Amino acid sequence: MIAPANLFLLVKAPEDIHFTALAATFGQTLRLLGLSVSLLLPAFFVAILSYHQDQLPYYLLATLGINRLGIPFDVAVEMFIALLFLEILREAGIRLPSAVGSTVTVVGGLILGDAAIRAGFLSPGIVVIGAITQIFGSTLSSLSLAGTISTLRFFLFILSATLGIYGFFLGLFIVLSHLASLRSCGLPYLAPISPPFKDLANALFRLPWPWRNTRPDMLKTRQGDRHK
């Protein structure tokens, strides 16, 4: 167990320390992007397509409308079914042996997704959004963080399906407020995204070793300089 732990520590991968600064920074940026897209995309898509269709380009709206012909469910119900199905596949892939789990997840997703589209059970757009969400969420190296993101994703989805874009921003505000109130052994969970921003560069980017000669100020260590 490593403590204190904040969001940026959970986003980092253990093997980043063995890579160059550029490669580690690129990987961490991809994981932050994956976290954001996996959390926000389904709720935002449902809010826009259910309540604010005028915000979509005409050709995109026409394509989505044509693909939804014959679908017996509402957009929100479709997305809920797709997200629930993908979560079950993800959980099955984790619990099964590694040699079988990845095969079951990939093959099951491809076969059942294609069958759902052909049977008119789900529209192609919903399947694509669900697949993008799951793929971006797979970039996270922490299983506990991935599970938390899945829970928050459903929370944002329910608010967006109920209140539209207002529910989306309300849910986002609630999530950020809750995260800002969390503490890990006295360390704010969202540190260092608050003044002073001295440690922000080291949290967002993997700095080269010659520039990492001091410990983070947010940890309030007795010795600020690293021992040589």
Protein backbone atom coordinates (compact mmCIF):
# COMPACT_ATOMS: atom_id res chain seq x y z
CA MET A 1 0.00 0.00 0.00
CA ILE A 2 1.23 3.48 -0.95
CA ALA A 3 -0.08 6.53 0.89
CA PRO A 4 -0.95 9.30 0.49
CA ALA A 5 -2.43 8.69 -2.96
CA ASN A 6 -4.18 11.26 -5.15
CA LEU A 7 -5.77 11.09 -8.58
CA PHE A 8 -2.54 11.77 -10.48
CA LEU A 9 -0.72 8.98 -8.64
CA LEU A 10 -3.46 6.48 -9.57
CA VAL A 11 -3.29 7.54 -13.22
CA LYS A 12 0.43 6.79 -13.40
CA ALA A 13 1.62 3.30 -14.31
CA PRO A 14 4.34 1.53 -12.28
CA GLU A 15 6.49 0.98 -15.37
CA ASP A 16 6.61 4.70 -16.21
CA ILE A 17 9.73 5.06 -14.07
CA HIS A 18 11.65 2.85 -16.53
CA PHE A 19 10.69 4.92 -19.60
CA THR A 20 12.05 8.18 -20.89
CA ALA A 21 10.39 11.41 -19.79
CA LEU A 22 8.73 11.89 -23.21
CA ALA A 23 7.33 8.34 -23.39
CA ALA A 24 6.07 8.43 -19.80
CA THR A 25 4.45 11.84 -20.32
CA PHE A 26 2.73 10.63 -23.49
CA GLY A 27 1.38 7.55 -21.74
CA GLN A 28 0.14 9.55 -18.77
CA THR A 29 -1.55 12.05 -21.08
CA LEU A 30 -3.34 9.21 -22.86
CA ARG A 31 -4.54 7.80 -19.54
CA LEU A 32 -5.88 11.20 -18.43
CA LEU A 33 -7.65 11.53 -21.79
CA GLY A 34 -9.02 8.00 -21.44
CA LEU A 35 -10.32 8.77 -17.96
CA SER A 36 -12.10 11.92 -19.13
CA VAL A 37 -13.65 10.39 -22.26
CA SER A 38 -14.70 7.20 -20.47
CA LEU A 39 -16.40 9.20 -17.73
CA LEU A 40 -18.10 11.94 -19.75
CA LEU A 41 -18.82 10.66 -23.28
CA PRO A 42 -21.94 8.47 -22.70
CA ALA A 43 -23.68 11.06 -20.51
CA PHE A 44 -22.88 13.91 -22.91
CA PHE A 45 -24.03 11.90 -25.94
CA VAL A 46 -27.35 10.99 -24.31
CA ALA A 47 -27.95 14.57 -23.13
CA ILE A 48 -27.32 16.03 -26.60
CA LEU A 49 -29.21 13.39 -28.58
CA SER A 50 -32.22 13.30 -26.24
CA TYR A 51 -32.75 16.97 -25.43
CA HIS A 52 -30.53 19.20 -27.57
CA GLN A 53 -30.59 17.77 -31.10
CA ASP A 54 -30.27 21.28 -32.53
CA GLN A 55 -26.66 21.38 -31.32
CA LEU A 56 -25.64 18.54 -33.64
CA PRO A 57 -24.58 19.08 -37.27
CA TYR A 58 -27.46 18.36 -39.65
CA TYR A 59 -25.77 15.50 -41.52
CA LEU A 60 -24.69 13.80 -38.29
CA LEU A 61 -28.19 14.13 -36.86
CA ALA A 62 -29.70 12.73 -40.07
CA THR A 63 -27.30 9.77 -40.03
CA LEU A 64 -28.05 8.98 -36.40
CA GLY A 65 -31.79 9.32 -37.05
CA ILE A 66 -31.71 6.94 -40.02
CA ASN A 67 -29.71 4.37 -38.04
CA ARG A 68 -32.30 4.51 -35.26
CA LEU A 69 -35.23 3.57 -37.51
CA GLY A 70 -36.94 0.49 -36.09
CA ILE A 71 -35.17 0.61 -32.72
CA PRO A 72 -37.78 -0.12 -30.01
CA PHE A 73 -35.97 1.73 -27.22
CA ASP A 74 -35.27 5.32 -26.31
CA VAL A 75 -31.70 6.64 -26.60
CA ALA A 76 -31.22 6.58 -22.83
CA VAL A 77 -32.47 2.99 -22.54
CA GLU A 78 -30.24 1.94 -25.42
CA MET A 79 -27.17 3.51 -23.83
CA PHE A 80 -27.97 1.95 -20.46
CA ILE A 81 -28.22 -1.51 -22.03
CA ALA A 82 -24.95 -1.01 -23.94
CA LEU A 83 -23.07 0.26 -20.87
CA LEU A 84 -24.42 -2.54 -18.68
CA PHE A 85 -23.48 -5.15 -21.27
CA LEU A 86 -19.94 -3.76 -21.62
CA GLU A 87 -19.50 -3.63 -17.84
CA ILE A 88 -20.49 -7.29 -17.59
CA LEU A 89 -17.98 -8.15 -20.31
CA ARG A 90 -15.26 -6.16 -18.51
CA GLU A 91 -15.98 -7.89 -15.22
CA ALA A 92 -15.96 -11.29 -16.92
CA GLY A 93 -12.61 -10.49 -18.53
CA ILE A 94 -11.15 -9.59 -15.13
CA ARG A 95 -12.45 -12.67 -13.28
CA LEU A 96 -11.60 -15.24 -15.95
CA PRO A 97 -8.01 -16.48 -16.37
CA SER A 98 -5.86 -14.04 -18.34
CA ALA A 99 -5.45 -16.44 -21.26
CA VAL A 100 -9.22 -16.68 -21.68
CA GLY A 101 -10.48 -13.36 -20.33
CA SER A 102 -9.19 -11.13 -23.11
CA THR A 103 -10.53 -13.52 -25.77
CA VAL A 104 -13.98 -13.64 -24.19
CA THR A 105 -14.11 -9.85 -23.91
CA VAL A 106 -13.06 -9.15 -27.51
CA VAL A 107 -14.95 -11.97 -29.23
CA GLY A 108 -18.05 -11.53 -27.08
CA GLY A 109 -18.13 -7.79 -27.72
CA LEU A 110 -17.73 -8.17 -31.48
CA ILE A 111 -20.22 -11.00 -31.95
CA LEU A 112 -22.94 -9.74 -29.62
CA GLY A 113 -22.54 -6.12 -30.75
CA ASP A 114 -22.95 -7.09 -34.39
CA ALA A 115 -25.89 -9.36 -33.53
CA ALA A 116 -27.60 -6.57 -31.56
CA ILE A 117 -27.32 -4.20 -34.54
CA ARG A 118 -28.57 -6.79 -37.04
CA ALA A 119 -31.52 -7.70 -34.81
CA GLY A 120 -32.52 -4.05 -34.45
CA PHE A 121 -31.93 -4.19 -30.71
CA LEU A 122 -29.31 -1.40 -30.62
CA SER A 123 -28.34 1.30 -33.11
CA PRO A 124 -24.79 1.45 -34.54
CA GLY A 125 -24.16 4.86 -32.97
CA ILE A 126 -24.87 3.60 -29.46
CA VAL A 127 -22.61 0.58 -29.98
CA VAL A 128 -19.79 2.82 -31.23
CA ILE A 129 -20.11 5.19 -28.26
CA GLY A 130 -20.15 2.26 -25.85
CA ALA A 131 -17.10 0.69 -27.50
CA ILE A 132 -15.16 3.98 -27.43
CA THR A 133 -16.05 4.39 -23.76
CA GLN A 134 -14.83 0.92 -22.87
CA ILE A 135 -11.62 1.20 -24.90
CA PHE A 136 -10.68 4.56 -23.41
CA GLY A 137 -11.46 3.24 -19.93
CA SER A 138 -9.11 0.31 -20.52
CA THR A 139 -6.14 2.69 -20.56
CA LEU A 140 -6.36 3.06 -16.76
CA SER A 141 -3.79 0.95 -14.93
CA SER A 142 -5.63 0.92 -11.58
CA LEU A 143 -8.58 -1.49 -11.34
CA SER A 144 -9.97 0.35 -8.33
CA LEU A 145 -9.93 3.64 -10.24
CA ALA A 146 -11.56 1.96 -13.27
CA GLY A 147 -14.35 0.63 -11.04
CA THR A 148 -14.91 4.05 -9.52
CA ILE A 149 -15.06 5.64 -12.97
CA SER A 150 -17.69 3.07 -14.01
CA THR A 151 -19.85 3.97 -11.01
CA LEU A 152 -19.53 7.71 -11.65
CA ARG A 153 -20.28 7.13 -15.34
CA PHE A 154 -23.68 5.65 -14.50
CA PHE A 155 -24.34 8.52 -12.07
CA LEU A 156 -23.66 11.15 -14.75
CA PHE A 157 -25.63 9.12 -17.28
CA ILE A 158 -28.76 9.00 -15.09
CA LEU A 159 -28.67 12.76 -14.45
CA SER A 160 -28.08 13.50 -18.15
CA ALA A 161 -30.88 11.17 -19.24
CA THR A 162 -33.23 12.90 -16.80
CA LEU A 163 -32.28 16.59 -17.08
CA GLY A 164 -30.33 16.84 -20.32
CA ILE A 165 -27.25 19.02 -20.54
CA TYR A 166 -28.22 20.70 -17.26
CA GLY A 167 -28.09 17.33 -15.54
CA PHE A 168 -24.72 16.66 -17.17
CA PHE A 169 -23.16 19.82 -15.75
CA LEU A 170 -24.93 19.34 -12.41
CA GLY A 171 -23.51 15.83 -12.12
CA LEU A 172 -20.06 17.04 -13.16
CA PHE A 173 -20.20 19.74 -10.48
CA ILE A 174 -21.26 17.20 -7.83
CA VAL A 175 -18.47 14.79 -8.80
CA LEU A 176 -15.79 17.50 -8.78
CA SER A 177 -17.05 18.88 -5.47
CA HIS A 178 -16.91 15.43 -3.91
CA LEU A 179 -13.41 14.75 -5.25
CA ALA A 180 -12.21 18.12 -3.99
CA SER A 181 -13.44 17.25 -0.48
CA LEU A 182 -11.57 13.93 -0.32
CA ARG A 183 -8.33 13.54 1.63
CA SER A 184 -5.76 10.75 1.62
CA CYS A 185 -3.68 10.91 4.81
CA GLY A 186 -4.18 14.66 4.83
CA LEU A 187 -3.36 15.12 1.13
CA PRO A 188 -6.18 16.56 -1.06
CA TYR A 189 -7.27 14.00 -3.66
CA LEU A 190 -7.08 16.53 -6.51
CA ALA A 191 -3.74 18.02 -5.45
CA PRO A 192 -1.93 19.86 -6.97
CA ILE A 193 -4.79 21.35 -9.05
CA SER A 194 -5.02 24.31 -6.68
CA PRO A 195 -2.78 27.24 -5.74
CA PRO A 196 0.15 27.14 -5.40
CA PHE A 197 0.73 25.35 -8.70
CA LYS A 198 4.40 24.55 -8.09
CA ASP A 199 3.87 20.76 -8.28
CA LEU A 200 1.40 20.87 -11.19
CA ALA A 201 4.02 20.39 -13.92
CA ASN A 202 5.45 17.34 -12.16
CA ALA A 203 1.94 15.88 -11.80
CA LEU A 204 0.91 16.37 -15.43
CA PHE A 205 4.28 15.58 -17.03
CA ARG A 206 7.12 13.19 -16.32
CA LEU A 207 10.04 15.58 -15.91
CA PRO A 208 13.60 14.46 -16.74
CA TRP A 209 15.61 13.22 -13.77
CA PRO A 210 17.95 16.27 -13.60
CA TRP A 211 14.87 18.44 -12.98
CA ARG A 212 13.49 16.19 -10.26
CA ASN A 213 15.84 17.26 -7.48
CA THR A 214 13.16 18.35 -4.99
CA ARG A 215 10.27 16.53 -3.34
CA PRO A 216 6.70 17.73 -3.95
CA ASP A 217 5.73 20.60 -1.65
CA MET A 218 2.20 19.20 -1.25
CA LEU A 219 3.62 16.25 0.75
CA LYS A 220 5.08 18.66 3.35
CA THR A 221 8.23 16.59 3.82
CA ARG A 222 10.90 17.49 6.36
CA GLN A 223 13.65 17.38 3.74
CA GLY A 224 12.69 19.18 0.54
CA ASP A 225 15.78 18.17 -1.45
CA ARG A 226 16.18 14.63 -2.69
CA HIS A 227 19.24 12.81 -1.33
CA LYS A 228 21.93 12.32 -3.92
